[in-house]
Amino acid sequence: MGDGIMKSKIAILCSLILLVSSNATAADAEGGVNIEPNIEDTIFSSITHTETTTDLQTWDITMTLNQEALANNTTFELITQICNNEGVCLAPQDAEVTTEDNETFTSSVMTIEDHSYVNWRITATYPSDNDTQEKFPSTGFYKTWSDCYYHQGEWGGDNCPDANDGESSDEVPFVGFYATIACLIAAAFIRFE
């Protein structure tokens, strides 16, 4: 009787792990659709950047502080991260930001070969509020897609080689793969007890 209860608990646990992993995969951004900030919720009055990136070319951004941030001597860091079409992301890095008037700032980041998108976020520091910090977005990154990306088993973008047309992948999604392995290990462990 105890063995049946244990198997039921393991089955429920595995189901929950797989459910959570499939939701994490489904919550991923829509391929080719940039994730942009809502300017009103940031320290900027305007943000413009390269709309679609290309391999081995720069992703450029121009940001202008709003009057409140300017008056409060708000400072910020731009953090970027480039991910490739194999699902591997480089470590996030502080981007070099330049300004001539301490109000409008520019930056450029060189993309890598076979990149899928550029992630970016801002970390603001408020000197008038004991140097507290705020991230934009509060979690994760904004995202600018490349002109040739691989997302959820499909190629997209206007600059993909013809060789990629119609290709599909039989790969198991990364999170789902490890959730499945965890369930198999748990089941094997229980079986041997």
Foldseek 3Di string as FASTA:
>chain_A
DVLVVVVVVLVVVLVVLLVVLVVVQVPDDDAQDWFDFPQVPDQFPDKDWDQAAEAQFKIKMKTFGDPVCVVQVKDKWKWKWWAAQVGDIDDIDTFDWDDDPSGMIMTIDTHHPRIFKMWMKMWMFGVVVVRDIAIVVNDGTTIRGHQWHHGPFAIHHDDDDPVRPPGGDPDDPPSSVVSVVVSVVVVVVSVVD
